[in-house]
Amino acid sequence: MRMDGASAPPTIGHTRGSSTIRTEEVSVTRWVAYEDLDLRAHAGAGELRWRVEETARLACRQLDELYPLEQPEAPACGKDAIAAAERGAKQK
């Protein structure tokens, strides 16, 4: 299962007075192994969910460390990563 966000080219963001702040969207991709799980069983599905959430948490932490912000966006990052993983799983 692949977890990633859509990568976008740098965009022009917030404008304040005569200065413009340049923003850029970044993402990381992580793979979550699940071939050892029986996804038909509640325990297997629960383990996969835990793996996805833990992988999302670690990926978001890495992004926070590489690109620190004044106001952390970890909750949104984790939710977005989990949603992207779920969309990817449904496409298979």
Protein backbone atom coordinates (compact mmCIF):
# COMPACT_ATOMS: atom_id res chain seq x y z
CA MET A 1 0.00 0.00 0.00
CA ARG A 2 1.44 3.33 -1.00
CA MET A 3 0.95 6.46 1.08
CA ASP A 4 1.65 9.74 -0.61
CA GLY A 5 0.13 13.03 -1.53
CA ALA A 6 0.01 14.62 -4.90
CA SER A 7 3.18 16.49 -5.58
CA ALA A 8 2.66 19.98 -6.89
CA PRO A 9 5.09 22.50 -8.28
CA PRO A 10 5.89 25.53 -6.14
CA THR A 11 3.05 28.00 -6.00
CA ILE A 12 2.81 31.62 -5.00
CA GLY A 13 1.11 31.88 -1.66
CA HIS A 14 0.13 34.57 0.78
CA THR A 15 0.75 38.20 -0.17
CA ARG A 16 1.32 40.80 2.53
CA GLY A 17 2.00 44.39 1.54
CA SER A 18 4.63 44.46 -1.17
CA SER A 19 6.18 41.09 -0.29
CA THR A 20 4.99 37.70 -1.50
CA ILE A 21 5.72 34.53 0.42
CA ARG A 22 6.58 31.59 -1.80
CA THR A 23 5.05 28.28 -0.69
CA GLU A 24 5.81 24.78 -1.86
CA GLU A 25 3.96 21.53 -1.33
CA VAL A 26 6.16 18.59 -0.37
CA SER A 27 5.35 14.95 0.26
CA VAL A 28 7.01 11.70 1.24
CA THR A 29 6.06 8.23 0.10
CA ARG A 30 6.03 5.21 2.39
CA TRP A 31 5.07 1.62 1.66
CA VAL A 32 3.05 -0.38 4.18
CA ALA A 33 3.44 -4.16 4.04
CA TYR A 34 0.26 -6.18 4.40
CA GLU A 35 0.90 -9.45 2.56
CA ASP A 36 1.31 -11.23 5.90
CA LEU A 37 -2.18 -10.19 7.07
CA ASP A 38 -5.56 -11.86 6.57
CA LEU A 39 -7.60 -8.77 5.70
CA ARG A 40 -10.83 -10.78 5.88
CA ALA A 41 -10.30 -11.12 9.63
CA HIS A 42 -11.04 -8.26 12.01
CA ALA A 43 -7.60 -8.62 13.61
CA GLY A 44 -5.82 -8.42 10.25
CA ALA A 45 -7.78 -5.36 9.15
CA GLY A 46 -7.13 -3.71 12.52
CA GLU A 47 -3.40 -4.42 12.26
CA LEU A 48 -3.32 -2.88 8.77
CA ARG A 49 -5.11 0.22 10.04
CA TRP A 50 -2.54 0.51 12.86
CA ARG A 51 0.35 0.14 10.41
CA VAL A 52 -1.06 2.84 8.13
CA GLU A 53 -1.65 5.23 11.04
CA GLU A 54 1.81 4.61 12.51
CA THR A 55 3.48 5.05 9.12
CA ALA A 56 1.53 8.29 8.57
CA ARG A 57 2.57 9.56 12.00
CA LEU A 58 6.25 8.84 11.33
CA ALA A 59 6.13 10.37 7.83
CA CYS A 60 4.49 13.53 9.17
CA ARG A 61 7.08 13.76 11.92
CA GLN A 62 9.82 13.54 9.29
CA LEU A 63 8.21 16.34 7.27
CA ASP A 64 7.88 18.47 10.41
CA GLU A 65 11.58 17.98 11.13
CA LEU A 66 12.66 18.72 7.55
CA TYR A 67 10.28 21.66 7.07
CA PRO A 68 9.45 23.15 10.48
CA LEU A 69 6.52 25.53 10.64
CA GLU A 70 5.54 28.04 13.28
CA GLN A 71 2.22 26.24 13.78
CA PRO A 72 2.46 22.45 13.49
CA GLU A 73 0.10 20.85 10.98
CA ALA A 74 0.56 17.29 12.22
CA PRO A 75 -3.17 16.50 12.69
CA ALA A 76 -3.98 17.57 9.12
CA CYS A 77 -0.89 15.79 7.79
CA GLY A 78 -1.85 12.50 9.43
CA LYS A 79 -5.47 12.69 8.32
CA ASP A 80 -4.44 13.55 4.76
CA ALA A 81 -1.92 10.69 4.66
CA ILE A 82 -4.45 8.15 5.94
CA ALA A 83 -7.08 9.37 3.47
CA ALA A 84 -4.56 9.06 0.60
CA ALA A 85 -3.71 5.50 1.67
CA GLU A 86 -7.39 4.57 1.82
CA ARG A 87 -7.98 6.00 -1.67
CA GLY A 88 -5.01 4.04 -2.97
CA ALA A 89 -6.27 0.81 -1.41
CA LYS A 90 -9.73 1.22 -2.96
CA GLN A 91 -8.19 1.62 -6.42
CA LYS A 92 -6.61 -1.86 -6.24
